[in-house]
Amino acid sequence: MSPAVQIALAVALVVVVFVLLLALRRGRPRDLVAPDRPAGGGQAEVLRLAREGRTVEAVKVLREHTHMSLADAKRYVEGL
């Protein structure tokens, strides 16, 4: 295999790994503590609502605390 092909394969591998890492990171919420809210309250409330099956309310609270997109917050709550 020529050196040019080896370099192209290495670059392609690095790009694929980078894209996969970004995709995995995108699903994670940011810190649930907003500057104007007490620490710990948001995370506990989201978890409680999710366990009670109140996913709409859990998504709403999560988005208020993290400013996540609707799709990301829904995916996160469903994963709980």
PDB file of N, CA and C in Angstrom:
ATOM      1  N   MET A   1       0.855  -1.173   0.000  1.00  0.00           N
ATOM      2  CA  MET A   1       0.000   0.000   0.000  1.00  0.00           C
ATOM      3  C   MET A   1       0.900   1.236   0.000  1.00  0.00           C
ATOM      4  N   SER A   2       0.539   2.190  -0.820  1.00  0.00           N
ATOM      5  CA  SER A   2       1.373   3.389  -0.933  1.00  0.00           C
ATOM      6  C   SER A   2       1.205   4.280   0.298  1.00  0.00           C
ATOM      7  N   PRO A   3       2.206   5.119   0.578  1.00  0.00           N
ATOM      8  CA  PRO A   3       2.123   6.030   1.735  1.00  0.00           C
ATOM      9  C   PRO A   3       0.932   6.984   1.648  1.00  0.00           C
ATOM     10  N   ALA A   4       0.554   7.403   0.455  1.00  0.00           N
ATOM     11  CA  ALA A   4      -0.588   8.316   0.309  1.00  0.00           C
ATOM     12  C   ALA A   4      -1.882   7.641   0.746  1.00  0.00           C
ATOM     13  N   VAL A   5      -2.051   6.380   0.417  1.00  0.00           N
ATOM     14  CA  VAL A   5      -3.242   5.635   0.809  1.00  0.00           C
ATOM     15  C   VAL A   5      -3.258   5.440   2.326  1.00  0.00           C
ATOM     16  N   GLN A   6      -2.102   5.147   2.910  1.00  0.00           N
ATOM     17  CA  GLN A   6      -2.014   4.974   4.359  1.00  0.00           C
ATOM     18  C   GLN A   6      -2.381   6.260   5.085  1.00  0.00           C
ATOM     19  N   ILE A   7      -1.889   7.386   4.579  1.00  0.00           N
ATOM     20  CA  ILE A   7      -2.203   8.682   5.195  1.00  0.00           C
ATOM     21  C   ILE A   7      -3.694   8.974   5.065  1.00  0.00           C
ATOM     22  N   ALA A   8      -4.265   8.701   3.905  1.00  0.00           N
ATOM     23  CA  ALA A   8      -5.699   8.942   3.701  1.00  0.00           C
ATOM     24  C   ALA A   8      -6.538   8.086   4.643  1.00  0.00           C
ATOM     25  N   LEU A   9      -6.152   6.835   4.822  1.00  0.00           N
ATOM     26  CA  LEU A   9      -6.874   5.959   5.746  1.00  0.00           C
ATOM     27  C   LEU A   9      -6.749   6.442   7.187  1.00  0.00           C
ATOM     28  N   ALA A  10      -5.577   6.905   7.574  1.00  0.00           N
ATOM     29  CA  ALA A  10      -5.381   7.411   8.937  1.00  0.00           C
ATOM     30  C   ALA A  10      -6.231   8.649   9.184  1.00  0.00           C
ATOM     31  N   VAL A  11      -6.254   9.548   8.216  1.00  0.00           N
ATOM     32  CA  VAL A  11      -7.065  10.766   8.354  1.00  0.00           C
ATOM     33  C   VAL A  11      -8.545  10.397   8.434  1.00  0.00           C
ATOM     34  N   ALA A  12      -8.987   9.475   7.597  1.00  0.00           N
ATOM     35  CA  ALA A  12     -10.388   9.051   7.627  1.00  0.00           C
ATOM     36  C   ALA A  12     -10.742   8.438   8.980  1.00  0.00           C
ATOM     37  N   LEU A  13      -9.860   7.647   9.535  1.00  0.00           N
ATOM     38  CA  LEU A  13     -10.099   7.036  10.841  1.00  0.00           C
ATOM     39  C   LEU A  13     -10.223   8.101  11.932  1.00  0.00           C
ATOM     40  N   VAL A  14      -9.346   9.086  11.902  1.00  0.00           N
ATOM     41  CA  VAL A  14      -9.401  10.169  12.894  1.00  0.00           C
ATOM     42  C   VAL A  14     -10.714  10.927  12.772  1.00  0.00           C
ATOM     43  N   VAL A  15     -11.154  11.198  11.566  1.00  0.00           N
ATOM     44  CA  VAL A  15     -12.418  11.924  11.354  1.00  0.00           C
ATOM     45  C   VAL A  15     -13.595  11.108  11.878  1.00  0.00           C
ATOM     46  N   VAL A  16     -13.615   9.818  11.609  1.00  0.00           N
ATOM     47  CA  VAL A  16     -14.708   8.961  12.077  1.00  0.00           C
ATOM     48  C   VAL A  16     -14.746   8.930  13.602  1.00  0.00           C
ATOM     49  N   VAL A  17     -13.604   8.784  14.243  1.00  0.00           N
ATOM     50  CA  VAL A  17     -13.556   8.770  15.707  1.00  0.00           C
ATOM     51  C   VAL A  17     -14.036  10.103  16.266  1.00  0.00           C
ATOM     52  N   PHE A  18     -13.620  11.201  15.663  1.00  0.00           N
ATOM     53  CA  PHE A  18     -14.030  12.525  16.121  1.00  0.00           C
ATOM     54  C   PHE A  18     -15.549  12.698  16.006  1.00  0.00           C
ATOM     55  N   VAL A  19     -16.123  12.288  14.897  1.00  0.00           N
ATOM     56  CA  VAL A  19     -17.573  12.405  14.696  1.00  0.00           C
ATOM     57  C   VAL A  19     -18.329  11.536  15.696  1.00  0.00           C
ATOM     58  N   LEU A  20     -17.848  10.332  15.958  1.00  0.00           N
ATOM     59  CA  LEU A  20     -18.497   9.459  16.938  1.00  0.00           C
ATOM     60  C   LEU A  20     -18.439  10.066  18.337  1.00  0.00           C
ATOM     61  N   LEU A  21     -17.312  10.637  18.703  1.00  0.00           N
ATOM     62  CA  LEU A  21     -17.202  11.265  20.022  1.00  0.00           C
ATOM     63  C   LEU A  21     -18.151  12.452  20.150  1.00  0.00           C
ATOM     64  N   LEU A  22     -18.277  13.241  19.101  1.00  0.00           N
ATOM     65  CA  LEU A  22     -19.225  14.359  19.129  1.00  0.00           C
ATOM     66  C   LEU A  22     -20.656  13.868  19.255  1.00  0.00           C
ATOM     67  N   ALA A  23     -20.983  12.808  18.560  1.00  0.00           N
ATOM     68  CA  ALA A  23     -22.346  12.263  18.625  1.00  0.00           C
ATOM     69  C   ALA A  23     -22.660  11.739  20.017  1.00  0.00           C
ATOM     70  N   LEU A  24     -21.704  11.089  20.647  1.00  0.00           N
ATOM     71  CA  LEU A  24     -21.924  10.579  22.000  1.00  0.00           C
ATOM     72  C   LEU A  24     -22.045  11.713  22.998  1.00  0.00           C
ATOM     73  N   ARG A  25     -21.242  12.736  22.836  1.00  0.00           N
ATOM     74  CA  ARG A  25     -21.263  13.862  23.771  1.00  0.00           C
ATOM     75  C   ARG A  25     -22.541  14.684  23.634  1.00  0.00           C
ATOM     76  N   ARG A  26     -23.094  14.744  22.444  1.00  0.00           N
ATOM     77  CA  ARG A  26     -24.278  15.565  22.200  1.00  0.00           C
ATOM     78  C   ARG A  26     -25.471  15.127  23.039  1.00  0.00           C
ATOM     79  N   GLY A  27     -25.575  13.855  23.340  1.00  0.00           N
ATOM     80  CA  GLY A  27     -26.694  13.350  24.108  1.00  0.00           C
ATOM     81  C   GLY A  27     -26.614  13.623  25.593  1.00  0.00           C
ATOM     82  N   ARG A  28     -25.488  14.076  26.066  1.00  0.00           N
ATOM     83  CA  ARG A  28     -25.328  14.326  27.497  1.00  0.00           C
ATOM     84  C   ARG A  28     -25.797  15.727  27.863  1.00  0.00           C
ATOM     85  N   PRO A  29     -26.506  15.852  28.971  1.00  0.00           N
ATOM     86  CA  PRO A  29     -26.935  17.186  29.383  1.00  0.00           C
ATOM     87  C   PRO A  29     -25.791  17.960  30.002  1.00  0.00           C
ATOM     88  N   ARG A  30     -25.892  19.262  29.917  1.00  0.00           N
ATOM     89  CA  ARG A  30     -24.937  20.096  30.626  1.00  0.00           C
ATOM     90  C   ARG A  30     -25.276  20.056  32.103  1.00  0.00           C
ATOM     91  N   ASP A  31     -24.503  20.750  32.898  1.00  0.00           N
ATOM     92  CA  ASP A  31     -24.738  20.782  34.330  1.00  0.00           C
ATOM     93  C   ASP A  31     -26.173  21.232  34.591  1.00  0.00           C
ATOM     94  N   LEU A  32     -26.859  20.525  35.463  1.00  0.00           N
ATOM     95  CA  LEU A  32     -28.261  20.821  35.729  1.00  0.00           C
ATOM     96  C   LEU A  32     -28.473  22.023  36.638  1.00  0.00           C
ATOM     97  N   VAL A  33     -27.429  22.651  37.080  1.00  0.00           N
ATOM     98  CA  VAL A  33     -27.557  23.777  37.998  1.00  0.00           C
ATOM     99  C   VAL A  33     -27.428  25.073  37.214  1.00  0.00           C
ATOM    100  N   ALA A  34     -28.500  25.816  37.166  1.00  0.00           N
ATOM    101  CA  ALA A  34     -28.474  27.129  36.533  1.00  0.00           C
ATOM    102  C   ALA A  34     -27.995  28.141  37.570  1.00  0.00           C
ATOM    103  N   PRO A  35     -27.404  29.246  37.154  1.00  0.00           N
ATOM    104  CA  PRO A  35     -26.877  30.216  38.111  1.00  0.00           C
ATOM    105  C   PRO A  35     -27.917  30.764  39.079  1.00  0.00           C
ATOM    106  N   ASP A  36     -29.179  30.853  38.647  1.00  0.00           N
ATOM    107  CA  ASP A  36     -30.206  31.435  39.508  1.00  0.00           C
ATOM    108  C   ASP A  36     -31.013  30.392  40.276  1.00  0.00           C
ATOM    109  N   ARG A  37     -30.569  29.154  40.259  1.00  0.00           N
ATOM    110  CA  ARG A  37     -31.314  28.085  40.941  1.00  0.00           C
ATOM    111  C   ARG A  37     -30.409  27.389  41.948  1.00  0.00           C
ATOM    112  N   PRO A  38     -30.991  26.857  42.997  1.00  0.00           N
ATOM    113  CA  PRO A  38     -30.184  26.159  43.994  1.00  0.00           C
ATOM    114  C   PRO A  38     -29.583  24.875  43.438  1.00  0.00           C
ATOM    115  N   ALA A  39     -28.421  24.518  43.929  1.00  0.00           N
ATOM    116  CA  ALA A  39     -27.724  23.322  43.455  1.00  0.00           C
ATOM    117  C   ALA A  39     -28.496  22.064  43.821  1.00  0.00           C
ATOM    118  N   GLY A  40     -28.527  21.096  42.920  1.00  0.00           N
ATOM    119  CA  GLY A  40     -29.118  19.793  43.192  1.00  0.00           C
ATOM    120  C   GLY A  40     -30.610  19.702  42.967  1.00  0.00           C
ATOM    121  N   GLY A  41     -31.334  20.798  42.999  1.00  0.00           N
ATOM    122  CA  GLY A  41     -32.780  20.763  42.873  1.00  0.00           C
ATOM    123  C   GLY A  41     -33.253  20.282  41.531  1.00  0.00           C
ATOM    124  N   GLY A  42     -32.627  20.725  40.479  1.00  0.00           N
ATOM    125  CA  GLY A  42     -33.060  20.360  39.134  1.00  0.00           C
ATOM    126  C   GLY A  42     -32.866  18.890  38.835  1.00  0.00           C
ATOM    127  N   GLN A  43     -31.710  18.365  39.173  1.00  0.00           N
ATOM    128  CA  GLN A  43     -31.421  16.971  38.869  1.00  0.00           C
ATOM    129  C   GLN A  43     -32.356  16.042  39.628  1.00  0.00           C
ATOM    130  N   ALA A  44     -32.571  16.312  40.892  1.00  0.00           N
ATOM    131  CA  ALA A  44     -33.452  15.473  41.699  1.00  0.00           C
ATOM    132  C   ALA A  44     -34.888  15.540  41.185  1.00  0.00           C
ATOM    133  N   GLU A  45     -35.305  16.726  40.789  1.00  0.00           N
ATOM    134  CA  GLU A  45     -36.674  16.881  40.300  1.00  0.00           C
ATOM    135  C   GLU A  45     -36.876  16.164  38.968  1.00  0.00           C
ATOM    136  N   VAL A  46     -35.905  16.274  38.077  1.00  0.00           N
ATOM    137  CA  VAL A  46     -36.005  15.581  36.788  1.00  0.00           C
ATOM    138  C   VAL A  46     -36.073  14.080  37.010  1.00  0.00           C
ATOM    139  N   LEU A  47     -35.226  13.560  37.873  1.00  0.00           N
ATOM    140  CA  LEU A  47     -35.212  12.125  38.149  1.00  0.00           C
ATOM    141  C   LEU A  47     -36.530  11.671  38.769  1.00  0.00           C
ATOM    142  N   ARG A  48     -37.056  12.450  39.712  1.00  0.00           N
ATOM    143  CA  ARG A  48     -38.323  12.102  40.369  1.00  0.00           C
ATOM    144  C   ARG A  48     -39.461  12.073  39.357  1.00  0.00           C
ATOM    145  N   LEU A  49     -39.536  13.099  38.524  1.00  0.00           N
ATOM    146  CA  LEU A  49     -40.604  13.164  37.519  1.00  0.00           C
ATOM    147  C   LEU A  49     -40.489  12.023  36.517  1.00  0.00           C
ATOM    148  N   ALA A  50     -39.280  11.701  36.115  1.00  0.00           N
ATOM    149  CA  ALA A  50     -39.083  10.607  35.150  1.00  0.00           C
ATOM    150  C   ALA A  50     -39.505   9.279  35.753  1.00  0.00           C
ATOM    151  N   ARG A  51     -39.173   9.059  37.017  1.00  0.00           N
ATOM    152  CA  ARG A  51     -39.553   7.804  37.683  1.00  0.00           C
ATOM    153  C   ARG A  51     -41.055   7.690  37.859  1.00  0.00           C
ATOM    154  N   GLU A  52     -41.738   8.829  38.004  1.00  0.00           N
ATOM    155  CA  GLU A  52     -43.191   8.826  38.155  1.00  0.00           C
ATOM    156  C   GLU A  52     -43.896   8.709  36.803  1.00  0.00           C
ATOM    157  N   GLY A  53     -43.128   8.685  35.723  1.00  0.00           N
ATOM    158  CA  GLY A  53     -43.721   8.583  34.397  1.00  0.00           C
ATOM    159  C   GLY A  53     -44.203   9.907  33.841  1.00  0.00           C
ATOM    160  N   ARG A  54     -43.837  10.993  34.476  1.00  0.00           N
ATOM    161  CA  ARG A  54     -44.242  12.331  34.038  1.00  0.00           C
ATOM    162  C   ARG A  54     -43.145  12.914  33.146  1.00  0.00           C
ATOM    163  N   THR A  55     -42.985  12.304  31.977  1.00  0.00           N
ATOM    164  CA  THR A  55     -41.863  12.653  31.109  1.00  0.00           C
ATOM    165  C   THR A  55     -41.962  14.071  30.550  1.00  0.00           C
ATOM    166  N   VAL A  56     -43.152  14.529  30.255  1.00  0.00           N
ATOM    167  CA  VAL A  56     -43.301  15.880  29.707  1.00  0.00           C
ATOM    168  C   VAL A  56     -42.806  16.913  30.718  1.00  0.00           C
ATOM    169  N   GLU A  57     -43.206  16.745  31.977  1.00  0.00           N
ATOM    170  CA  GLU A  57     -42.768  17.668  33.017  1.00  0.00           C
ATOM    171  C   GLU A  57     -41.266  17.555  33.250  1.00  0.00           C
ATOM    172  N   ALA A  58     -40.744  16.324  33.202  1.00  0.00           N
ATOM    173  CA  ALA A  58     -39.306  16.117  33.403  1.00  0.00           C
ATOM    174  C   ALA A  58     -38.503  16.794  32.299  1.00  0.00           C
ATOM    175  N   VAL A  59     -38.969  16.672  31.062  1.00  0.00           N
ATOM    176  CA  VAL A  59     -38.286  17.320  29.942  1.00  0.00           C
ATOM    177  C   VAL A  59     -38.319  18.830  30.105  1.00  0.00           C
ATOM    178  N   LYS A  60     -39.460  19.355  30.536  1.00  0.00           N
ATOM    179  CA  LYS A  60     -39.588  20.798  30.722  1.00  0.00           C
ATOM    180  C   LYS A  60     -38.606  21.304  31.782  1.00  0.00           C
ATOM    181  N   VAL A  61     -38.530  20.617  32.911  1.00  0.00           N
ATOM    182  CA  VAL A  61     -37.612  21.029  33.982  1.00  0.00           C
ATOM    183  C   VAL A  61     -36.166  20.921  33.510  1.00  0.00           C
ATOM    184  N   LEU A  62     -35.846  19.835  32.828  1.00  0.00           N
ATOM    185  CA  LEU A  62     -34.492  19.644  32.323  1.00  0.00           C
ATOM    186  C   LEU A  62     -34.103  20.766  31.373  1.00  0.00           C
ATOM    187  N   ARG A  63     -35.002  21.135  30.472  1.00  0.00           N
ATOM    188  CA  ARG A  63     -34.706  22.212  29.524  1.00  0.00           C
ATOM    189  C   ARG A  63     -34.562  23.557  30.221  1.00  0.00           C
ATOM    190  N   GLU A  64     -35.333  23.783  31.284  1.00  0.00           N
ATOM    191  CA  GLU A  64     -35.210  25.037  32.025  1.00  0.00           C
ATOM    192  C   GLU A  64     -33.835  25.148  32.689  1.00  0.00           C
ATOM    193  N   HIS A  65     -33.316  24.031  33.139  1.00  0.00           N
ATOM    194  CA  HIS A  65     -32.050  24.047  33.863  1.00  0.00           C
ATOM    195  C   HIS A  65     -30.829  23.957  32.959  1.00  0.00           C
ATOM    196  N   THR A  66     -30.973  23.371  31.783  1.00  0.00           N
ATOM    197  CA  THR A  66     -29.803  23.132  30.945  1.00  0.00           C
ATOM    198  C   THR A  66     -29.833  23.848  29.604  1.00  0.00           C
ATOM    199  N   HIS A  67     -30.994  24.316  29.179  1.00  0.00           N
ATOM    200  CA  HIS A  67     -31.167  24.939  27.866  1.00  0.00           C
ATOM    201  C   HIS A  67     -30.854  23.950  26.741  1.00  0.00           C
ATOM    202  N   MET A  68     -31.119  22.666  26.989  1.00  0.00           N
ATOM    203  CA  MET A  68     -30.946  21.639  25.961  1.00  0.00           C
ATOM    204  C   MET A  68     -32.036  21.788  24.916  1.00  0.00           C
ATOM    205  N   SER A  69     -31.786  21.215  23.744  1.00  0.00           N
ATOM    206  CA  SER A  69     -32.832  21.189  22.729  1.00  0.00           C
ATOM    207  C   SER A  69     -33.926  20.228  23.191  1.00  0.00           C
ATOM    208  N   LEU A  70     -35.095  20.371  22.624  1.00  0.00           N
ATOM    209  CA  LEU A  70     -36.218  19.517  22.996  1.00  0.00           C
ATOM    210  C   LEU A  70     -35.897  18.051  22.718  1.00  0.00           C
ATOM    211  N   ALA A  71     -35.321  17.782  21.560  1.00  0.00           N
ATOM    212  CA  ALA A  71     -35.011  16.392  21.190  1.00  0.00           C
ATOM    213  C   ALA A  71     -33.979  15.784  22.144  1.00  0.00           C
ATOM    214  N   ASP A  72     -32.935  16.545  22.488  1.00  0.00           N
ATOM    215  CA  ASP A  72     -31.904  16.026  23.386  1.00  0.00           C
ATOM    216  C   ASP A  72     -32.464  15.785  24.788  1.00  0.00           C
ATOM    217  N   ALA A  73     -33.284  16.719  25.272  1.00  0.00           N
ATOM    218  CA  ALA A  73     -33.856  16.568  26.607  1.00  0.00           C
ATOM    219  C   ALA A  73     -34.800  15.365  26.646  1.00  0.00           C
ATOM    220  N   LYS A  74     -35.587  15.194  25.615  1.00  0.00           N
ATOM    221  CA  LYS A  74     -36.517  14.047  25.552  1.00  0.00           C
ATOM    222  C   LYS A  74     -35.735  12.732  25.549  1.00  0.00           C
ATOM    223  N   ARG A  75     -34.690  12.681  24.748  1.00  0.00           N
ATOM    224  CA  ARG A  75     -33.860  11.482  24.678  1.00  0.00           C
ATOM    225  C   ARG A  75     -33.208  11.177  26.032  1.00  0.00           C
ATOM    226  N   TYR A  76     -32.750  12.211  26.707  1.00  0.00           N
ATOM    227  CA  TYR A  76     -32.105  12.031  28.012  1.00  0.00           C
ATOM    228  C   TYR A  76     -33.107  11.495  29.040  1.00  0.00           C
ATOM    229  N   VAL A  77     -34.292  12.109  29.096  1.00  0.00           N
ATOM    230  CA  VAL A  77     -35.298  11.688  30.069  1.00  0.00           C
ATOM    231  C   VAL A  77     -35.754  10.259  29.786  1.00  0.00           C
ATOM    232  N   GLU A  78     -35.925   9.922  28.521  1.00  0.00           N
ATOM    233  CA  GLU A  78     -36.306   8.555  28.175  1.00  0.00           C
ATOM    234  C   GLU A  78     -35.222   7.553  28.567  1.00  0.00           C
ATOM    235  N   GLY A  79     -33.981   7.993  28.596  1.00  0.00           N
ATOM    236  CA  GLY A  79     -32.873   7.125  28.986  1.00  0.00           C
ATOM    237  C   GLY A  79     -32.785   6.896  30.486  1.00  0.00           C
ATOM    238  N   LEU A  80     -33.484   7.721  31.259  1.00  0.00           N
ATOM    239  CA  LEU A  80     -33.475   7.539  32.710  1.00  0.00           C
ATOM    240  C   LEU A  80     -34.349   6.355  33.037  1.00  0.00           C
TER     241      LEU A  80
END
